[in-house]
Each structure stands twice: as C-alpha cells, then as structure tokens.
Amino acid sequence: MTSRITSTSITVTQGDSLPILLTFNQDITGAVITMQVRNDDDKLILSKTVTEHLNPLKGETLLNLTPKETSVPVGIYRTDMEITFSDGAKYTFYPPQIGKTACFHVTTQITREDGLI
C-alpha cells in the first residue's frame, strides 16, 4: 500500500483503497464519524460518513475510502474529520492540533483500468 497518514496529512494514490482505522478512548456507540475533503475554493471533493463501528464499546471504527472515492483529480486538498456523539456533542479530532489544517494529497495513478498508453 502506498498510502501514508501523518498528524497533518493523508497521502493516497488516485484510485486506491484507503482504510483508516480509528480508535477513541471511549464508547462511540451511536456516534457518527465524518470526513470531508475540499479544494482551495471550498468545493467539496470527497465526503465520507461512518455510522457502523467495528467495536463501539472499545472506541474502534473504520473509515474506509474505496477506489471510486479516491478517484478524484490529482492534487493537494484540505481535510478534517469529526465525531458527533449520540448526545449531539461534536469534536474535530483530525488534525489533532488546534488551528492546524490537514492536507489530503492525491498522487498520480500509473496503472489504470482504461489501459491507455
């Protein structure tokens, strides 16, 4: 896998799967995880919502981006992720530093299904 996630950026090859395992230090039963990716003009490029979790009592969930979802134009975008708990409380947890912006970098895909040379 060529994907990489740091505290301030996510890099994925265009058209690849990107499973992001998330662990919270609390019960996330009924919580909603949302990720958005936007360009510099604030246009929504990608959006993902997770409502079913791997092990909510242990705070474990999977945000799984599919090849279709990462088949966006190559570029560097802005992203964040937030959790909304069942009581309505909402927190941005990625990037983990307050006031920072995270980048979502989509790199060039060489092997494509169209097989063009």
PDB file of N, CA and C in Angstrom:
ATOM      1  N   MET A   1       0.845  -1.183   0.000  1.00  0.00           N
ATOM      2  CA  MET A   1       0.000   0.000   0.000  1.00  0.00           C
ATOM      3  C   MET A   1       0.886   1.240   0.000  1.00  0.00           C
ATOM      4  N   THR A   2       0.495   2.205  -0.781  1.00  0.00           N
ATOM      5  CA  THR A   2       1.293   3.419  -0.909  1.00  0.00           C
ATOM      6  C   THR A   2       0.710   4.594  -0.138  1.00  0.00           C
ATOM      7  N   SER A   3      -0.297   4.362   0.634  1.00  0.00           N
ATOM      8  CA  SER A   3      -0.916   5.434   1.411  1.00  0.00           C
ATOM      9  C   SER A   3      -0.088   5.733   2.647  1.00  0.00           C
ATOM     10  N   ARG A   4      -0.210   6.991   3.103  1.00  0.00           N
ATOM     11  CA  ARG A   4       0.503   7.391   4.311  1.00  0.00           C
ATOM     12  C   ARG A   4      -0.348   8.417   5.059  1.00  0.00           C
ATOM     13  N   ILE A   5      -0.432   8.244   6.373  1.00  0.00           N
ATOM     14  CA  ILE A   5      -1.184   9.176   7.209  1.00  0.00           C
ATOM     15  C   ILE A   5      -0.258   9.682   8.298  1.00  0.00           C
ATOM     16  N   THR A   6      -0.156  11.011   8.409  1.00  0.00           N
ATOM     17  CA  THR A   6       0.608  11.630   9.489  1.00  0.00           C
ATOM     18  C   THR A   6      -0.348  12.535  10.265  1.00  0.00           C
ATOM     19  N   SER A   7       0.175  13.254  11.219  1.00  0.00           N
ATOM     20  CA  SER A   7      -0.686  14.129  12.023  1.00  0.00           C
ATOM     21  C   SER A   7      -1.182  15.344  11.249  1.00  0.00           C
ATOM     22  N   THR A   8      -0.591  15.623  10.085  1.00  0.00           N
ATOM     23  CA  THR A   8      -1.031  16.794   9.311  1.00  0.00           C
ATOM     24  C   THR A   8      -1.326  16.491   7.850  1.00  0.00           C
ATOM     25  N   SER A   9      -1.216  15.210   7.444  1.00  0.00           N
ATOM     26  CA  SER A   9      -1.501  14.919   6.033  1.00  0.00           C
ATOM     27  C   SER A   9      -1.877  13.459   5.807  1.00  0.00           C
ATOM     28  N   ILE A  10      -2.643  13.287   4.748  1.00  0.00           N
ATOM     29  CA  ILE A  10      -3.000  11.963   4.249  1.00  0.00           C
ATOM     30  C   ILE A  10      -2.596  11.939   2.786  1.00  0.00           C
ATOM     31  N   THR A  11      -1.853  10.904   2.393  1.00  0.00           N
ATOM     32  CA  THR A  11      -1.443  10.752   1.002  1.00  0.00           C
ATOM     33  C   THR A  11      -1.973   9.422   0.496  1.00  0.00           C
ATOM     34  N   VAL A  12      -2.612   9.455  -0.667  1.00  0.00           N
ATOM     35  CA  VAL A  12      -3.152   8.249  -1.275  1.00  0.00           C
ATOM     36  C   VAL A  12      -2.945   8.329  -2.784  1.00  0.00           C
ATOM     37  N   THR A  13      -2.681   7.186  -3.403  1.00  0.00           N
ATOM     38  CA  THR A  13      -2.602   7.132  -4.857  1.00  0.00           C
ATOM     39  C   THR A  13      -4.023   7.140  -5.406  1.00  0.00           C
ATOM     40  N   GLN A  14      -4.239   7.945  -6.420  1.00  0.00           N
ATOM     41  CA  GLN A  14      -5.547   8.080  -7.050  1.00  0.00           C
ATOM     42  C   GLN A  14      -6.105   6.692  -7.400  1.00  0.00           C
ATOM     43  N   GLY A  15      -7.340   6.421  -6.986  1.00  0.00           N
ATOM     44  CA  GLY A  15      -7.998   5.162  -7.305  1.00  0.00           C
ATOM     45  C   GLY A  15      -7.671   4.006  -6.379  1.00  0.00           C
ATOM     46  N   ASP A  16      -6.890   4.235  -5.329  1.00  0.00           N
ATOM     47  CA  ASP A  16      -6.558   3.177  -4.374  1.00  0.00           C
ATOM     48  C   ASP A  16      -7.550   3.148  -3.216  1.00  0.00           C
ATOM     49  N   SER A  17      -7.629   2.002  -2.558  1.00  0.00           N
ATOM     50  CA  SER A  17      -8.378   1.881  -1.308  1.00  0.00           C
ATOM     51  C   SER A  17      -7.575   2.548  -0.200  1.00  0.00           C
ATOM     52  N   LEU A  18      -8.269   3.107   0.770  1.00  0.00           N
ATOM     53  CA  LEU A  18      -7.590   3.717   1.909  1.00  0.00           C
ATOM     54  C   LEU A  18      -8.379   3.422   3.186  1.00  0.00           C
ATOM     55  N   PRO A  19      -8.044   2.306   3.867  1.00  0.00           N
ATOM     56  CA  PRO A  19      -8.696   2.018   5.147  1.00  0.00           C
ATOM     57  C   PRO A  19      -8.012   2.800   6.267  1.00  0.00           C
ATOM     58  N   ILE A  20      -8.791   3.546   7.034  1.00  0.00           N
ATOM     59  CA  ILE A  20      -8.261   4.325   8.146  1.00  0.00           C
ATOM     60  C   ILE A  20      -8.884   3.794   9.429  1.00  0.00           C
ATOM     61  N   LEU A  21      -8.080   3.069  10.211  1.00  0.00           N
ATOM     62  CA  LEU A  21      -8.542   2.526  11.486  1.00  0.00           C
ATOM     63  C   LEU A  21      -8.450   3.628  12.538  1.00  0.00           C
ATOM     64  N   LEU A  22      -9.552   3.886  13.202  1.00  0.00           N
ATOM     65  CA  LEU A  22      -9.604   4.939  14.224  1.00  0.00           C
ATOM     66  C   LEU A  22      -9.953   4.324  15.567  1.00  0.00           C
ATOM     67  N   THR A  23      -9.264   4.770  16.597  1.00  0.00           N
ATOM     68  CA  THR A  23      -9.533   4.293  17.954  1.00  0.00           C
ATOM     69  C   THR A  23      -9.697   5.497  18.878  1.00  0.00           C
ATOM     70  N   PHE A  24     -10.810   5.526  19.570  1.00  0.00           N
ATOM     71  CA  PHE A  24     -11.098   6.572  20.541  1.00  0.00           C
ATOM     72  C   PHE A  24     -11.018   5.960  21.936  1.00  0.00           C
ATOM     73  N   ASN A  25     -10.717   6.753  22.922  1.00  0.00           N
ATOM     74  CA  ASN A  25     -10.593   6.274  24.296  1.00  0.00           C
ATOM     75  C   ASN A  25     -11.919   6.300  25.042  1.00  0.00           C
ATOM     76  N   GLN A  26     -12.994   6.005  24.321  1.00  0.00           N
ATOM     77  CA  GLN A  26     -14.307   5.993  24.945  1.00  0.00           C
ATOM     78  C   GLN A  26     -15.297   5.243  24.068  1.00  0.00           C
ATOM     79  N   ASP A  27     -16.441   4.972  24.613  1.00  0.00           N
ATOM     80  CA  ASP A  27     -17.531   4.305  23.908  1.00  0.00           C
ATOM     81  C   ASP A  27     -18.040   5.236  22.801  1.00  0.00           C
ATOM     82  N   ILE A  28     -18.144   4.725  21.580  1.00  0.00           N
ATOM     83  CA  ILE A  28     -18.642   5.541  20.470  1.00  0.00           C
ATOM     84  C   ILE A  28     -19.963   5.002  19.923  1.00  0.00           C
ATOM     85  N   THR A  29     -20.676   4.254  20.745  1.00  0.00           N
ATOM     86  CA  THR A  29     -21.981   3.738  20.338  1.00  0.00           C
ATOM     87  C   THR A  29     -22.879   4.899  19.920  1.00  0.00           C
ATOM     88  N   GLY A  30     -23.439   4.810  18.727  1.00  0.00           N
ATOM     89  CA  GLY A  30     -24.329   5.853  18.219  1.00  0.00           C
ATOM     90  C   GLY A  30     -23.634   7.066  17.648  1.00  0.00           C
ATOM     91  N   ALA A  31     -22.306   7.083  17.677  1.00  0.00           N
ATOM     92  CA  ALA A  31     -21.563   8.236  17.153  1.00  0.00           C
ATOM     93  C   ALA A  31     -21.487   8.182  15.629  1.00  0.00           C
ATOM     94  N   VAL A  32     -21.311   9.355  15.029  1.00  0.00           N
ATOM     95  CA  VAL A  32     -21.151   9.481  13.581  1.00  0.00           C
ATOM     96  C   VAL A  32     -19.791  10.109  13.320  1.00  0.00           C
ATOM     97  N   ILE A  33     -19.000   9.457  12.469  1.00  0.00           N
ATOM     98  CA  ILE A  33     -17.693   9.975  12.060  1.00  0.00           C
ATOM     99  C   ILE A  33     -17.859  10.554  10.668  1.00  0.00           C
ATOM    100  N   THR A  34     -17.374  11.769  10.453  1.00  0.00           N
ATOM    101  CA  THR A  34     -17.477  12.411   9.151  1.00  0.00           C
ATOM    102  C   THR A  34     -16.120  12.935   8.724  1.00  0.00           C
ATOM    103  N   MET A  35     -15.777  12.680   7.462  1.00  0.00           N
ATOM    104  CA  MET A  35     -14.551  13.219   6.851  1.00  0.00           C
ATOM    105  C   MET A  35     -14.968  13.973   5.598  1.00  0.00           C
ATOM    106  N   GLN A  36     -14.398  15.152   5.418  1.00  0.00           N
ATOM    107  CA  GLN A  36     -14.606  15.893   4.185  1.00  0.00           C
ATOM    108  C   GLN A  36     -13.264  16.328   3.627  1.00  0.00           C
ATOM    109  N   VAL A  37     -13.193  16.371   2.300  1.00  0.00           N
ATOM    110  CA  VAL A  37     -12.016  16.843   1.581  1.00  0.00           C
ATOM    111  C   VAL A  37     -12.502  17.958   0.666  1.00  0.00           C
ATOM    112  N   ARG A  38     -11.837  19.120   0.749  1.00  0.00           N
ATOM    113  CA  ARG A  38     -12.246  20.288  -0.045  1.00  0.00           C
ATOM    114  C   ARG A  38     -11.043  20.902  -0.752  1.00  0.00           C
ATOM    115  N   ASN A  39     -11.325  21.551  -1.891  1.00  0.00           N
ATOM    116  CA  ASN A  39     -10.249  22.250  -2.596  1.00  0.00           C
ATOM    117  C   ASN A  39     -10.099  23.664  -2.038  1.00  0.00           C
ATOM    118  N   ASP A  40      -9.184  24.427  -2.610  1.00  0.00           N
ATOM    119  CA  ASP A  40      -8.923  25.785  -2.111  1.00  0.00           C
ATOM    120  C   ASP A  40     -10.111  26.728  -2.283  1.00  0.00           C
ATOM    121  N   ASP A  41     -11.033  26.390  -3.211  1.00  0.00           N
ATOM    122  CA  ASP A  41     -12.234  27.192  -3.411  1.00  0.00           C
ATOM    123  C   ASP A  41     -13.382  26.716  -2.517  1.00  0.00           C
ATOM    124  N   ASP A  42     -13.085  25.816  -1.574  1.00  0.00           N
ATOM    125  CA  ASP A  42     -14.038  25.251  -0.622  1.00  0.00           C
ATOM    126  C   ASP A  42     -15.059  24.318  -1.280  1.00  0.00           C
ATOM    127  N   LYS A  43     -14.778  23.875  -2.512  1.00  0.00           N
ATOM    128  CA  LYS A  43     -15.650  22.918  -3.188  1.00  0.00           C
ATOM    129  C   LYS A  43     -15.419  21.533  -2.582  1.00  0.00           C
ATOM    130  N   LEU A  44     -16.515  20.840  -2.276  1.00  0.00           N
ATOM    131  CA  LEU A  44     -16.436  19.504  -1.707  1.00  0.00           C
ATOM    132  C   LEU A  44     -15.932  18.526  -2.768  1.00  0.00           C
ATOM    133  N   ILE A  45     -14.820  17.854  -2.467  1.00  0.00           N
ATOM    134  CA  ILE A  45     -14.208  16.888  -3.373  1.00  0.00           C
ATOM    135  C   ILE A  45     -14.595  15.469  -2.975  1.00  0.00           C
ATOM    136  N   LEU A  46     -14.672  15.219  -1.676  1.00  0.00           N
ATOM    137  CA  LEU A  46     -14.955  13.877  -1.172  1.00  0.00           C
ATOM    138  C   LEU A  46     -15.587  14.005   0.207  1.00  0.00           C
ATOM    139  N   SER A  47     -16.550  13.154   0.479  1.00  0.00           N
ATOM    140  CA  SER A  47     -17.183  13.141   1.791  1.00  0.00           C
ATOM    141  C   SER A  47     -17.447  11.697   2.189  1.00  0.00           C
ATOM    142  N   LYS A  48     -17.179  11.367   3.433  1.00  0.00           N
ATOM    143  CA  LYS A  48     -17.386  10.003   3.921  1.00  0.00           C
ATOM    144  C   LYS A  48     -17.980  10.078   5.318  1.00  0.00           C
ATOM    145  N   THR A  49     -19.009   9.277   5.563  1.00  0.00           N
ATOM    146  CA  THR A  49     -19.652   9.217   6.860  1.00  0.00           C
ATOM    147  C   THR A  49     -19.677   7.767   7.328  1.00  0.00           C
ATOM    148  N   VAL A  50     -19.355   7.552   8.596  1.00  0.00           N
ATOM    149  CA  VAL A  50     -19.364   6.214   9.189  1.00  0.00           C
ATOM    150  C   VAL A  50     -20.333   6.216  10.360  1.00  0.00           C
ATOM    151  N   THR A  51     -21.300   5.296  10.315  1.00  0.00           N
ATOM    152  CA  THR A  51     -22.277   5.179  11.401  1.00  0.00           C
ATOM    153  C   THR A  51     -22.239   3.809  12.072  1.00  0.00           C
ATOM    154  N   GLU A  52     -21.611   2.827  11.424  1.00  0.00           N
ATOM    155  CA  GLU A  52     -21.469   1.495  11.998  1.00  0.00           C
ATOM    156  C   GLU A  52     -19.999   1.289  12.352  1.00  0.00           C
ATOM    157  N   HIS A  53     -19.731   0.843  13.560  1.00  0.00           N
ATOM    158  CA  HIS A  53     -18.365   0.772  14.067  1.00  0.00           C
ATOM    159  C   HIS A  53     -17.936  -0.672  14.329  1.00  0.00           C
ATOM    160  N   LEU A  54     -16.634  -0.912  14.253  1.00  0.00           N
ATOM    161  CA  LEU A  54     -16.076  -2.247  14.461  1.00  0.00           C
ATOM    162  C   LEU A  54     -16.357  -2.754  15.872  1.00  0.00           C
ATOM    163  N   ASN A  55     -16.012  -1.944  16.856  1.00  0.00           N
ATOM    164  CA  ASN A  55     -16.231  -2.286  18.266  1.00  0.00           C
ATOM    165  C   ASN A  55     -16.500  -0.978  19.018  1.00  0.00           C
ATOM    166  N   PRO A  56     -17.748  -0.501  18.970  1.00  0.00           N
ATOM    167  CA  PRO A  56     -18.051   0.813  19.551  1.00  0.00           C
ATOM    168  C   PRO A  56     -17.750   0.926  21.041  1.00  0.00           C
ATOM    169  N   LEU A  57     -17.930  -0.154  21.801  1.00  0.00           N
ATOM    170  CA  LEU A  57     -17.663  -0.090  23.240  1.00  0.00           C
ATOM    171  C   LEU A  57     -16.188   0.168  23.524  1.00  0.00           C
ATOM    172  N   LYS A  58     -15.302  -0.301  22.640  1.00  0.00           N
ATOM    173  CA  LYS A  58     -13.865  -0.069  22.789  1.00  0.00           C
ATOM    174  C   LYS A  58     -13.398   1.136  21.970  1.00  0.00           C
ATOM    175  N   GLY A  59     -14.330   1.845  21.322  1.00  0.00           N
ATOM    176  CA  GLY A  59     -13.982   3.045  20.562  1.00  0.00           C
ATOM    177  C   GLY A  59     -13.329   2.773  19.223  1.00  0.00           C
ATOM    178  N   GLU A  60     -13.535   1.594  18.653  1.00  0.00           N
ATOM    179  CA  GLU A  60     -12.871   1.225  17.395  1.00  0.00           C
ATOM    180  C   GLU A  60     -13.817   1.330  16.207  1.00  0.00           C
ATOM    181  N   THR A  61     -13.330   2.005  15.163  1.00  0.00           N
ATOM    182  CA  THR A  61     -14.122   2.141  13.942  1.00  0.00           C
ATOM    183  C   THR A  61     -13.200   2.161  12.733  1.00  0.00           C
ATOM    184  N   LEU A  62     -13.786   2.021  11.559  1.00  0.00           N
ATOM    185  CA  LEU A  62     -13.023   2.022  10.316  1.00  0.00           C
ATOM    186  C   LEU A  62     -13.659   2.990   9.341  1.00  0.00           C
ATOM    187  N   LEU A  63     -12.868   3.958   8.900  1.00  0.00           N
ATOM    188  CA  LEU A  63     -13.276   4.857   7.835  1.00  0.00           C
ATOM    189  C   LEU A  63     -12.562   4.329   6.589  1.00  0.00           C
ATOM    190  N   ASN A  64     -13.315   3.715   5.701  1.00  0.00           N
ATOM    191  CA  ASN A  64     -12.728   3.003   4.577  1.00  0.00           C
ATOM    192  C   ASN A  64     -13.066   3.712   3.266  1.00  0.00           C
ATOM    193  N   LEU A  65     -12.080   4.374   2.676  1.00  0.00           N
ATOM    194  CA  LEU A  65     -12.287   5.029   1.391  1.00  0.00           C
ATOM    195  C   LEU A  65     -12.088   4.002   0.277  1.00  0.00           C
ATOM    196  N   THR A  66     -13.026   3.956  -0.641  1.00  0.00           N
ATOM    197  CA  THR A  66     -12.994   2.999  -1.746  1.00  0.00           C
ATOM    198  C   THR A  66     -12.224   3.584  -2.935  1.00  0.00           C
ATOM    199  N   PRO A  67     -11.825   2.732  -3.891  1.00  0.00           N
ATOM    200  CA  PRO A  67     -11.164   3.250  -5.095  1.00  0.00           C
ATOM    201  C   PRO A  67     -12.008   4.312  -5.821  1.00  0.00           C
ATOM    202  N   LYS A  68     -13.315   4.119  -5.856  1.00  0.00           N
ATOM    203  CA  LYS A  68     -14.184   5.117  -6.501  1.00  0.00           C
ATOM    204  C   LYS A  68     -14.091   6.462  -5.775  1.00  0.00           C
ATOM    205  N   GLU A  69     -14.037   6.409  -4.444  1.00  0.00           N
ATOM    206  CA  GLU A  69     -13.991   7.649  -3.660  1.00  0.00           C
ATOM    207  C   GLU A  69     -12.645   8.367  -3.785  1.00  0.00           C
ATOM    208  N   THR A  70     -11.565   7.635  -4.011  1.00  0.00           N
ATOM    209  CA  THR A  70     -10.250   8.282  -4.160  1.00  0.00           C
ATOM    210  C   THR A  70      -9.906   8.569  -5.626  1.00  0.00           C
ATOM    211  N   SER A  71     -10.840   8.305  -6.519  1.00  0.00           N
ATOM    212  CA  SER A  71     -10.623   8.605  -7.941  1.00  0.00           C
ATOM    213  C   SER A  71     -11.009  10.052  -8.231  1.00  0.00           C
ATOM    214  N   VAL A  72     -10.385  10.943  -7.514  1.00  0.00           N
ATOM    215  CA  VAL A  72     -10.590  12.380  -7.687  1.00  0.00           C
ATOM    216  C   VAL A  72      -9.366  12.934  -8.400  1.00  0.00           C
ATOM    217  N   PRO A  73      -9.439  14.139  -8.949  1.00  0.00           N
ATOM    218  CA  PRO A  73      -8.266  14.689  -9.632  1.00  0.00           C
ATOM    219  C   PRO A  73      -7.036  14.746  -8.722  1.00  0.00           C
ATOM    220  N   VAL A  74      -5.882  14.463  -9.310  1.00  0.00           N
ATOM    221  CA  VAL A  74      -4.618  14.552  -8.589  1.00  0.00           C
ATOM    222  C   VAL A  74      -4.471  15.972  -8.057  1.00  0.00           C
ATOM    223  N   GLY A  75      -4.056  16.096  -6.813  1.00  0.00           N
ATOM    224  CA  GLY A  75      -3.877  17.418  -6.237  1.00  0.00           C
ATOM    225  C   GLY A  75      -3.715  17.363  -4.738  1.00  0.00           C
ATOM    226  N   ILE A  76      -3.580  18.541  -4.159  1.00  0.00           N
ATOM    227  CA  ILE A  76      -3.466  18.676  -2.707  1.00  0.00           C
ATOM    228  C   ILE A  76      -4.686  19.458  -2.231  1.00  0.00           C
ATOM    229  N   TYR A  77      -5.415  18.849  -1.322  1.00  0.00           N
ATOM    230  CA  TYR A  77      -6.656  19.405  -0.821  1.00  0.00           C
ATOM    231  C   TYR A  77      -6.568  19.597   0.694  1.00  0.00           C
ATOM    232  N   ARG A  78      -7.635  20.133   1.283  1.00  0.00           N
ATOM    233  CA  ARG A  78      -7.734  20.295   2.741  1.00  0.00           C
ATOM    234  C   ARG A  78      -8.703  19.243   3.276  1.00  0.00           C
ATOM    235  N   THR A  79      -8.440  18.752   4.487  1.00  0.00           N
ATOM    236  CA  THR A  79      -9.333  17.747   5.072  1.00  0.00           C
ATOM    237  C   THR A  79      -9.399  17.877   6.583  1.00  0.00           C
ATOM    238  N   ASP A  80     -10.463  17.365   7.140  1.00  0.00           N
ATOM    239  CA  ASP A  80     -10.539  17.142   8.579  1.00  0.00           C
ATOM    240  C   ASP A  80     -11.539  16.027   8.830  1.00  0.00           C
ATOM    241  N   MET A  81     -11.571  15.556  10.063  1.00  0.00           N
ATOM    242  CA  MET A  81     -12.523  14.528  10.479  1.00  0.00           C
ATOM    243  C   MET A  81     -13.120  14.960  11.799  1.00  0.00           C
ATOM    244  N   GLU A  82     -14.404  14.660  11.974  1.00  0.00           N
ATOM    245  CA  GLU A  82     -15.058  14.998  13.224  1.00  0.00           C
ATOM    246  C   GLU A  82     -15.935  13.845  13.683  1.00  0.00           C
ATOM    247  N   ILE A  83     -16.195  13.834  14.962  1.00  0.00           N
ATOM    248  CA  ILE A  83     -17.079  12.839  15.552  1.00  0.00           C
ATOM    249  C   ILE A  83     -18.240  13.578  16.209  1.00  0.00           C
ATOM    250  N   THR A  84     -19.437  13.061  15.971  1.00  0.00           N
ATOM    251  CA  THR A  84     -20.632  13.594  16.620  1.00  0.00           C
ATOM    252  C   THR A  84     -21.207  12.467  17.469  1.00  0.00           C
ATOM    253  N   PHE A  85     -21.257  12.692  18.776  1.00  0.00           N
ATOM    254  CA  PHE A  85     -21.761  11.681  19.703  1.00  0.00           C
ATOM    255  C   PHE A  85     -23.284  11.692  19.728  1.00  0.00           C
ATOM    256  N   SER A  86     -23.852  10.634  20.253  1.00  0.00           N
ATOM    257  CA  SER A  86     -25.311  10.487  20.277  1.00  0.00           C
ATOM    258  C   SER A  86     -26.003  11.598  21.069  1.00  0.00           C
ATOM    259  N   ASP A  87     -25.285  12.261  21.986  1.00  0.00           N
ATOM    260  CA  ASP A  87     -25.878  13.368  22.748  1.00  0.00           C
ATOM    261  C   ASP A  87     -25.771  14.703  22.018  1.00  0.00           C
ATOM    262  N   GLY A  88     -25.208  14.687  20.784  1.00  0.00           N
ATOM    263  CA  GLY A  88     -25.084  15.903  19.985  1.00  0.00           C
ATOM    264  C   GLY A  88     -23.745  16.601  20.097  1.00  0.00           C
ATOM    265  N   ALA A  89     -22.909  16.204  21.043  1.00  0.00           N
ATOM    266  CA  ALA A  89     -21.575  16.814  21.166  1.00  0.00           C
ATOM    267  C   ALA A  89     -20.754  16.481  19.917  1.00  0.00           C
ATOM    268  N   LYS A  90     -20.041  17.493  19.406  1.00  0.00           N
ATOM    269  CA  LYS A  90     -19.286  17.334  18.169  1.00  0.00           C
ATOM    270  C   LYS A  90     -17.867  17.850  18.368  1.00  0.00           C
ATOM    271  N   TYR A  91     -16.879  17.056  17.898  1.00  0.00           N
ATOM    272  CA  TYR A  91     -15.472  17.421  18.046  1.00  0.00           C
ATOM    273  C   TYR A  91     -14.702  17.092  16.780  1.00  0.00           C
ATOM    274  N   THR A  92     -13.855  18.015  16.353  1.00  0.00           N
ATOM    275  CA  THR A  92     -12.920  17.737  15.280  1.00  0.00           C
ATOM    276  C   THR A  92     -11.710  17.061  15.915  1.00  0.00           C
ATOM    277  N   PHE A  93     -11.386  15.850  15.450  1.00  0.00           N
ATOM    278  CA  PHE A  93     -10.267  15.106  16.035  1.00  0.00           C
ATOM    279  C   PHE A  93      -9.076  14.972  15.089  1.00  0.00           C
ATOM    280  N   TYR A  94      -9.282  15.285  13.812  1.00  0.00           N
ATOM    281  CA  TYR A  94      -8.158  15.259  12.864  1.00  0.00           C
ATOM    282  C   TYR A  94      -8.238  16.484  11.989  1.00  0.00           C
ATOM    283  N   PRO A  95      -7.170  17.252  11.918  1.00  0.00           N
ATOM    284  CA  PRO A  95      -5.873  17.015  12.521  1.00  0.00           C
ATOM    285  C   PRO A  95      -5.935  17.228  14.036  1.00  0.00           C
ATOM    286  N   PRO A  96      -5.028  16.585  14.767  1.00  0.00           N
ATOM    287  CA  PRO A  96      -5.096  16.645  16.224  1.00  0.00           C
ATOM    288  C   PRO A  96      -4.659  17.975  16.840  1.00  0.00           C
ATOM    289  N   GLN A  97      -4.031  18.841  16.067  1.00  0.00           N
ATOM    290  CA  GLN A  97      -3.585  20.126  16.609  1.00  0.00           C
ATOM    291  C   GLN A  97      -4.627  21.202  16.313  1.00  0.00           C
ATOM    292  N   ILE A  98      -5.019  21.925  17.330  1.00  0.00           N
ATOM    293  CA  ILE A  98      -5.989  23.004  17.173  1.00  0.00           C
ATOM    294  C   ILE A  98      -5.392  24.084  16.283  1.00  0.00           C
ATOM    295  N   GLY A  99      -6.191  24.561  15.346  1.00  0.00           N
ATOM    296  CA  GLY A  99      -5.763  25.637  14.457  1.00  0.00           C
ATOM    297  C   GLY A  99      -4.926  25.191  13.271  1.00  0.00           C
ATOM    298  N   LYS A 100      -4.653  23.906  13.164  1.00  0.00           N
ATOM    299  CA  LYS A 100      -3.873  23.384  12.036  1.00  0.00           C
ATOM    300  C   LYS A 100      -4.813  22.898  10.937  1.00  0.00           C
ATOM    301  N   THR A 101      -4.308  22.891   9.722  1.00  0.00           N
ATOM    302  CA  THR A 101      -5.045  22.360   8.590  1.00  0.00           C
ATOM    303  C   THR A 101      -4.341  21.108   8.102  1.00  0.00           C
ATOM    304  N   ALA A 102      -5.098  20.076   7.819  1.00  0.00           N
ATOM    305  CA  ALA A 102      -4.517  18.840   7.294  1.00  0.00           C
ATOM    306  C   ALA A 102      -4.664  18.819   5.772  1.00  0.00           C
ATOM    307  N   CYS A 103      -3.673  18.257   5.106  1.00  0.00           N
ATOM    308  CA  CYS A 103      -3.683  18.122   3.653  1.00  0.00           C
ATOM    309  C   CYS A 103      -4.119  16.719   3.273  1.00  0.00           C
ATOM    310  N   PHE A 104      -4.839  16.615   2.181  1.00  0.00           N
ATOM    311  CA  PHE A 104      -5.219  15.343   1.583  1.00  0.00           C
ATOM    312  C   PHE A 104      -4.598  15.352   0.197  1.00  0.00           C
ATOM    313  N   HIS A 105      -3.512  14.590   0.047  1.00  0.00           N
ATOM    314  CA  HIS A 105      -2.725  14.607  -1.180  1.00  0.00           C
ATOM    315  C   HIS A 105      -3.060  13.374  -2.015  1.00  0.00           C
ATOM    316  N   VAL A 106      -3.571  13.599  -3.223  1.00  0.00           N
ATOM    317  CA  VAL A 106      -3.871  12.514  -4.151  1.00  0.00           C
ATOM    318  C   VAL A 106      -2.770  12.507  -5.199  1.00  0.00           C
ATOM    319  N   THR A 107      -2.026  11.394  -5.267  1.00  0.00           N
ATOM    320  CA  THR A 107      -0.906  11.292  -6.205  1.00  0.00           C
ATOM    321  C   THR A 107      -1.327  10.558  -7.479  1.00  0.00           C
ATOM    322  N   THR A 108      -0.504  10.674  -8.492  1.00  0.00           N
ATOM    323  CA  THR A 108      -0.803  10.126  -9.818  1.00  0.00           C
ATOM    324  C   THR A 108      -0.885   8.611  -9.806  1.00  0.00           C
ATOM    325  N   GLN A 109      -1.882   8.124 -10.474  1.00  0.00           N
ATOM    326  CA  GLN A 109      -2.072   6.686 -10.673  1.00  0.00           C
ATOM    327  C   GLN A 109      -1.483   6.334 -12.028  1.00  0.00           C
ATOM    328  N   ILE A 110      -0.591   5.350 -12.078  1.00  0.00           N
ATOM    329  CA  ILE A 110       0.027   4.945 -13.338  1.00  0.00           C
ATOM    330  C   ILE A 110      -0.746   3.789 -13.969  1.00  0.00           C
ATOM    331  N   THR A 111      -1.023   2.742 -13.194  1.00  0.00           N
ATOM    332  CA  THR A 111      -1.763   1.589 -13.701  1.00  0.00           C
ATOM    333  C   THR A 111      -3.249   1.888 -13.591  1.00  0.00           C
ATOM    334  N   ARG A 112      -3.896   1.948 -14.763  1.00  0.00           N
ATOM    335  CA  ARG A 112      -5.320   2.295 -14.803  1.00  0.00           C
ATOM    336  C   ARG A 112      -6.099   1.207 -15.538  1.00  0.00           C
ATOM    337  N   GLU A 113      -7.381   1.137 -15.257  1.00  0.00           N
ATOM    338  CA  GLU A 113      -8.230   0.155 -15.907  1.00  0.00           C
ATOM    339  C   GLU A 113      -8.421   0.428 -17.380  1.00  0.00           C
ATOM    340  N   ASP A 114      -8.292   1.704 -17.796  1.00  0.00           N
ATOM    341  CA  ASP A 114      -8.516   2.005 -19.219  1.00  0.00           C
ATOM    342  C   ASP A 114      -7.387   1.469 -20.110  1.00  0.00           C
ATOM    343  N   GLY A 115      -6.218   1.141 -19.507  1.00  0.00           N
ATOM    344  CA  GLY A 115      -5.107   0.539 -20.243  1.00  0.00           C
ATOM    345  C   GLY A 115      -4.501   1.411 -21.324  1.00  0.00           C
ATOM    346  N   LEU A 116      -4.769   2.711 -21.293  1.00  0.00           N
ATOM    347  CA  LEU A 116      -4.233   3.609 -22.310  1.00  0.00           C
ATOM    348  C   LEU A 116      -2.727   3.743 -22.195  1.00  0.00           C
ATOM    349  N   ILE A 117      -2.081   3.833 -23.315  1.00  0.00           N
ATOM    350  CA  ILE A 117      -0.619   4.009 -23.332  1.00  0.00           C
ATOM    351  C   ILE A 117      -0.289   5.467 -23.584  1.00  0.00           C
TER     352      ILE A 117
END
